[in-house]
Amino acid sequence: MSTSLTRPVLAFITDFGLGEADIGVMKGVIAGITPDIHIIDITHTVPAQDVALGAWILSTSYRYFPTGTVFVCVVDPGVGSNRIPIALNAGGWYFVGPDNGLFSPILQEETVYGVVELRNPAYHLSQVSSTFHGRDIFSPAGAYLAANALEVFSRLGPALDPARLVTLANLTPVRHGTAIEAYIVQVDSFGNLITSIPLSMVPELFTAQHTQITFPQQRVIVNQRRHFFAEGADDGQAFIYGDSSGYIGIAVRNGNASQTLGAGYKAPVTFDTLAR
């Protein structure tokens, strides 16, 4: 990725959906502050108030953007409460949103160079609603950062200790010997089931003599492996594969794994390389 930007880039992740004016309003606020900005919508269809899925989507997206990109992430069920609005400088990117665990993967994966509380009213809209910080606090902060992050970041508010930020404990799979306890973090539009197990955690995925994923609630075991969707027979059987997101997935060729297995988002799974 490029290490410098000739045109500022700001990327959005929200749970606002596509049927309201909120997204357009936030873009209007940003354009009014930084007119030449390039705004990219990663997604606005995070399920309402689902901080964990928003965090996972961010974790699989941010590395594909040039360094210097500002990510405005608004999945904020605690808006108006005592949760803290923050900006985070980590790994060469900037992240703006609520301190509610949404940035857990960034804190785990990247070097954090600074965190500030968005307390300076000079970088807010003149009137701040108690229910729309995406418009009144996060969008202005993101726009000012995109225009001149080096100058603006420390002015947004007081510094915070990164170790005191909220993190989501259940994002990380847990290994017990040869077994890894995890869960389904996404059901994509094809019905593929994406687990919370990063491929880096299982380099033996295609070299181990035996692998299987167990769905304990459905009492189902998947033990076929394929490198790509068209490999092998079109037999309607679920198989394990390496998803492009960088995580282990389960799919059915020309079918829907979620429907075939009767499993969905947040379903617990166990990955194991030991034949039972």
Protein backbone atom coordinates (compact mmCIF):
# COMPACT_ATOMS: atom_id res chain seq x y z
CA MET A 1 0.00 0.00 0.00
CA SER A 2 1.03 3.60 -0.59
CA THR A 3 2.62 5.40 2.34
CA SER A 4 1.32 8.82 1.34
CA LEU A 5 -1.88 10.29 0.00
CA THR A 6 -2.24 12.99 -2.64
CA ARG A 7 -5.95 13.13 -1.85
CA PRO A 8 -7.25 12.44 1.68
CA VAL A 9 -9.17 9.19 2.10
CA LEU A 10 -11.89 8.54 4.66
CA ALA A 11 -13.62 5.17 4.99
CA PHE A 12 -16.94 4.45 6.73
CA ILE A 13 -18.23 1.47 8.70
CA THR A 14 -21.66 1.92 10.33
CA ASP A 15 -24.82 0.06 11.30
CA PHE A 16 -27.08 2.80 9.91
CA GLY A 17 -28.49 0.81 7.01
CA LEU A 18 -29.25 2.28 3.60
CA GLY A 19 -32.80 3.54 4.04
CA GLU A 20 -32.16 6.74 6.00
CA ALA A 21 -30.48 10.09 5.29
CA ASP A 22 -27.90 9.75 8.08
CA ILE A 23 -25.06 8.55 5.85
CA GLY A 24 -25.57 11.32 3.33
CA VAL A 25 -25.70 13.91 6.10
CA MET A 26 -22.39 12.70 7.55
CA LYS A 27 -20.81 12.87 4.10
CA GLY A 28 -22.11 16.41 3.74
CA VAL A 29 -20.50 17.40 7.03
CA ILE A 30 -17.19 15.87 5.94
CA ALA A 31 -17.26 17.49 2.50
CA GLY A 32 -17.94 20.87 4.07
CA ILE A 33 -14.74 20.57 6.12
CA THR A 34 -12.46 18.79 3.62
CA PRO A 35 -13.89 19.36 0.12
CA ASP A 36 -11.35 17.31 -1.83
CA ILE A 37 -11.76 14.19 0.30
CA HIS A 38 -12.29 10.72 -1.18
CA ILE A 39 -15.00 8.95 0.85
CA ILE A 40 -15.25 5.13 0.64
CA ASP A 41 -18.14 3.14 2.10
CA ILE A 42 -16.88 -0.17 3.46
CA THR A 43 -20.34 -1.06 4.76
CA HIS A 44 -23.37 0.51 6.39
CA THR A 45 -25.14 -2.79 6.95
CA VAL A 46 -23.54 -4.02 10.16
CA PRO A 47 -26.50 -5.47 12.11
CA ALA A 48 -27.87 -2.84 14.45
CA GLN A 49 -25.67 -2.35 17.53
CA ASP A 50 -23.49 -5.39 16.73
CA VAL A 51 -20.14 -4.07 17.92
CA ALA A 52 -18.39 -7.45 17.59
CA LEU A 53 -19.26 -7.86 13.91
CA GLY A 54 -18.32 -4.25 13.22
CA ALA A 55 -14.95 -4.90 14.82
CA TRP A 56 -14.43 -8.03 12.73
CA ILE A 57 -15.31 -6.22 9.48
CA LEU A 58 -12.85 -3.47 10.37
CA SER A 59 -10.16 -6.05 11.11
CA THR A 60 -10.54 -7.64 7.67
CA SER A 61 -10.69 -4.33 5.79
CA TYR A 62 -8.28 -1.71 7.04
CA ARG A 63 -5.03 -3.19 5.70
CA TYR A 64 -6.23 -2.78 2.10
CA PHE A 65 -6.32 1.02 2.44
CA PRO A 66 -3.35 3.33 2.00
CA THR A 67 -1.64 4.45 5.16
CA GLY A 68 -3.01 7.77 6.32
CA THR A 69 -6.59 6.70 5.68
CA VAL A 70 -9.07 7.76 8.36
CA PHE A 71 -11.69 5.19 9.35
CA VAL A 72 -14.90 6.59 10.83
CA CYS A 73 -16.60 3.66 12.55
CA VAL A 74 -20.03 4.19 14.09
CA VAL A 75 -21.59 1.14 15.72
CA ASP A 76 -22.57 2.89 18.88
CA PRO A 77 -25.34 1.51 21.09
CA GLY A 78 -24.02 3.64 23.96
CA VAL A 79 -24.34 7.00 22.17
CA GLY A 80 -25.12 9.74 24.67
CA SER A 81 -23.93 7.67 27.65
CA ASN A 82 -20.60 7.86 29.46
CA ARG A 83 -18.79 5.86 26.78
CA ILE A 84 -15.91 7.93 25.39
CA PRO A 85 -15.59 9.17 21.78
CA ILE A 86 -12.01 8.61 20.65
CA ALA A 87 -9.50 8.89 17.84
CA LEU A 88 -6.74 6.30 17.51
CA ASN A 89 -3.46 6.52 15.63
CA ALA A 90 -2.23 2.99 15.00
CA GLY A 91 -0.20 1.17 12.40
CA GLY A 92 -0.12 4.15 10.04
CA TRP A 93 -3.90 4.66 9.95
CA TYR A 94 -6.38 6.70 12.01
CA PHE A 95 -9.59 5.40 13.55
CA VAL A 96 -12.47 7.49 14.88
CA GLY A 97 -15.48 6.20 16.83
CA PRO A 98 -16.76 5.12 20.24
CA ASP A 99 -14.62 3.38 22.85
CA ASN A 100 -16.85 0.32 23.11
CA GLY A 101 -14.63 -2.49 21.78
CA LEU A 102 -15.06 -1.59 18.12
CA PHE A 103 -11.31 -1.08 17.79
CA SER A 104 -10.30 -4.26 19.63
CA PRO A 105 -8.59 -5.83 16.57
CA ILE A 106 -6.58 -2.67 15.93
CA LEU A 107 -5.37 -2.61 19.53
CA GLN A 108 -4.39 -6.29 19.26
CA GLU A 109 -2.77 -6.20 15.83
CA GLU A 110 -1.10 -2.80 15.41
CA THR A 111 1.37 -0.55 17.19
CA VAL A 112 -0.62 2.24 18.84
CA TYR A 113 1.03 5.65 18.56
CA GLY A 114 -1.64 7.62 20.34
CA VAL A 115 -5.24 7.79 21.55
CA VAL A 116 -7.19 10.96 22.30
CA GLU A 117 -10.65 11.69 23.64
CA LEU A 118 -12.70 13.79 21.21
CA ARG A 119 -13.39 16.55 23.71
CA ASN A 120 -12.33 19.71 21.87
CA PRO A 121 -15.50 21.51 20.65
CA ALA A 122 -13.49 23.25 17.92
CA TYR A 123 -13.55 19.90 16.08
CA HIS A 124 -17.28 19.22 16.64
CA LEU A 125 -20.30 20.72 14.99
CA SER A 126 -21.52 23.82 16.79
CA GLN A 127 -24.43 21.91 18.32
CA VAL A 128 -23.96 18.31 19.44
CA SER A 129 -26.95 15.99 19.65
CA SER A 130 -27.02 13.33 22.37
CA THR A 131 -28.09 10.72 19.80
CA PHE A 132 -26.12 11.45 16.61
CA HIS A 133 -22.43 11.64 17.42
CA GLY A 134 -21.70 10.17 13.98
CA ARG A 135 -22.73 13.48 12.46
CA ASP A 136 -21.74 15.91 15.22
CA ILE A 137 -18.46 14.49 16.61
CA PHE A 138 -17.06 11.57 14.60
CA SER A 139 -17.54 12.96 11.09
CA PRO A 140 -15.99 16.38 11.85
CA ALA A 141 -13.06 14.77 13.68
CA GLY A 142 -12.51 12.38 10.78
CA ALA A 143 -12.64 15.18 8.22
CA TYR A 144 -10.14 17.35 10.10
CA LEU A 145 -7.82 14.37 10.58
CA ALA A 146 -7.99 13.48 6.89
CA ALA A 147 -7.02 17.04 5.98
CA ASN A 148 -4.02 17.30 8.32
CA ALA A 149 -3.64 14.48 10.82
CA LEU A 150 -0.16 15.41 12.02
CA GLU A 151 -1.33 18.85 13.09
CA VAL A 152 -4.84 18.00 14.24
CA PHE A 153 -4.56 14.72 16.17
CA SER A 154 -3.20 16.07 19.45
CA ARG A 155 -5.63 18.99 19.34
CA LEU A 156 -8.75 16.81 19.31
CA GLY A 157 -8.63 16.29 23.06
CA PRO A 158 -6.66 14.88 25.98
CA ALA A 159 -4.48 11.81 25.54
CA LEU A 160 -5.73 8.46 26.80
CA ASP A 161 -3.89 5.32 27.87
CA PRO A 162 -4.45 2.66 25.15
CA ALA A 163 -4.35 -0.05 27.84
CA ARG A 164 -7.52 1.41 29.39
CA LEU A 165 -9.62 1.21 26.22
CA VAL A 166 -12.52 -1.23 26.00
CA THR A 167 -11.75 -4.56 24.30
CA LEU A 168 -13.95 -7.49 23.32
CA ALA A 169 -12.61 -10.65 24.91
CA ASN A 170 -14.63 -13.07 22.76
CA LEU A 171 -12.99 -12.05 19.46
CA THR A 172 -9.99 -14.30 20.05
CA PRO A 173 -10.30 -18.07 19.51
CA VAL A 174 -9.09 -20.24 22.37
CA ARG A 175 -6.80 -23.22 21.79
CA HIS A 176 -7.01 -26.36 23.95
CA GLY A 177 -4.35 -28.77 22.73
CA THR A 178 -5.23 -29.63 19.14
CA ALA A 179 -8.68 -28.07 19.40
CA ILE A 180 -9.63 -24.42 18.84
CA GLU A 181 -12.88 -23.07 20.27
CA ALA A 182 -14.36 -20.30 18.14
CA TYR A 183 -17.62 -19.10 16.61
CA ILE A 184 -19.15 -17.94 13.32
CA VAL A 185 -18.42 -14.25 12.82
CA GLN A 186 -20.17 -13.79 9.48
CA VAL A 187 -22.62 -15.43 7.13
CA ASP A 188 -21.88 -13.90 3.75
CA SER A 189 -24.34 -13.30 0.93
CA PHE A 190 -23.63 -16.78 -0.50
CA GLY A 191 -24.38 -18.50 2.82
CA ASN A 192 -20.70 -19.26 3.49
CA LEU A 193 -19.90 -19.46 7.20
CA ILE A 194 -16.81 -17.53 8.25
CA THR A 195 -15.25 -18.53 11.56
CA SER A 196 -13.26 -16.37 13.98
CA ILE A 197 -10.18 -18.57 13.41
CA PRO A 198 -7.47 -16.75 11.42
CA LEU A 199 -5.65 -18.86 8.84
CA SER A 200 -2.39 -17.83 10.50
CA MET A 201 -3.48 -19.79 13.57
CA VAL A 202 -3.79 -23.04 11.57
CA PRO A 203 -0.89 -23.28 9.08
CA GLU A 204 -1.54 -27.03 9.07
CA LEU A 205 -5.01 -26.60 7.55
CA PHE A 206 -4.13 -28.41 4.32
CA THR A 207 -1.17 -30.46 5.52
CA ALA A 208 -2.59 -32.17 8.59
CA GLN A 209 -3.76 -35.73 8.01
CA HIS A 210 -7.17 -34.93 9.43
CA THR A 211 -9.08 -31.73 10.14
CA GLN A 212 -12.63 -31.19 11.20
CA ILE A 213 -14.99 -28.48 12.35
CA THR A 214 -17.70 -29.46 14.80
CA PHE A 215 -20.94 -27.53 15.28
CA PRO A 216 -21.95 -28.72 18.76
CA GLN A 217 -25.43 -27.19 18.74
CA GLN A 218 -26.28 -28.78 15.38
CA ARG A 219 -24.36 -32.00 16.16
CA VAL A 220 -22.69 -31.73 12.75
CA ILE A 221 -19.08 -32.42 11.76
CA VAL A 222 -17.47 -31.06 8.58
CA ASN A 223 -14.23 -32.81 7.62
CA GLN A 224 -13.79 -32.23 3.89
CA ARG A 225 -11.23 -29.64 2.75
CA ARG A 226 -10.95 -27.73 -0.50
CA HIS A 227 -8.57 -25.07 -1.72
CA PHE A 228 -11.24 -23.36 -3.85
CA PHE A 229 -14.97 -23.65 -4.46
CA ALA A 230 -14.85 -25.56 -7.76
CA GLU A 231 -12.44 -28.20 -6.45
CA GLY A 232 -13.93 -31.65 -6.02
CA ALA A 233 -17.41 -32.97 -6.70
CA ASP A 234 -20.55 -30.84 -6.66
CA ASP A 235 -22.10 -33.17 -4.08
CA GLY A 236 -23.88 -30.73 -1.81
CA GLN A 237 -21.51 -31.49 1.05
CA ALA A 238 -20.07 -28.80 3.27
CA PHE A 239 -16.29 -28.33 3.21
CA ILE A 240 -13.62 -26.31 5.00
CA TYR A 241 -11.68 -23.70 3.04
CA GLY A 242 -9.48 -20.64 3.53
CA ASP A 243 -11.67 -17.56 3.06
CA SER A 244 -10.31 -14.45 1.32
CA SER A 245 -10.85 -12.54 4.58
CA GLY A 246 -7.96 -14.51 6.06
CA TYR A 247 -10.13 -16.78 8.22
CA ILE A 248 -11.32 -20.37 8.04
CA GLY A 249 -14.66 -20.75 6.32
CA ILE A 250 -17.23 -23.46 5.59
CA ALA A 251 -19.00 -23.57 2.23
CA VAL A 252 -21.18 -25.76 0.02
CA ARG A 253 -20.39 -25.69 -3.70
CA ASN A 254 -23.26 -24.01 -5.55
CA GLY A 255 -25.18 -24.12 -2.28
CA ASN A 256 -25.71 -22.39 1.04
CA ALA A 257 -23.68 -23.72 3.97
CA SER A 258 -25.73 -21.83 6.55
CA GLN A 259 -28.95 -23.46 5.35
CA THR A 260 -27.37 -26.88 4.79
CA LEU A 261 -25.92 -27.03 8.30
CA GLY A 262 -28.64 -25.08 10.07
CA ALA A 263 -25.98 -22.78 11.55
CA GLY A 264 -25.72 -19.02 11.55
CA TYR A 265 -24.02 -16.00 13.01
CA LYS A 266 -22.45 -16.55 16.46
CA ALA A 267 -22.84 -20.34 16.28
CA PRO A 268 -20.03 -21.96 18.33
CA VAL A 269 -17.58 -24.21 16.47
CA THR A 270 -14.56 -26.32 17.31
CA PHE A 271 -11.69 -26.83 14.89
CA ASP A 272 -9.53 -29.88 15.47
CA THR A 273 -6.71 -31.71 13.70
CA LEU A 274 -6.98 -34.89 15.77
CA ALA A 275 -9.13 -37.66 14.34
CA ARG A 276 -11.79 -38.84 16.79
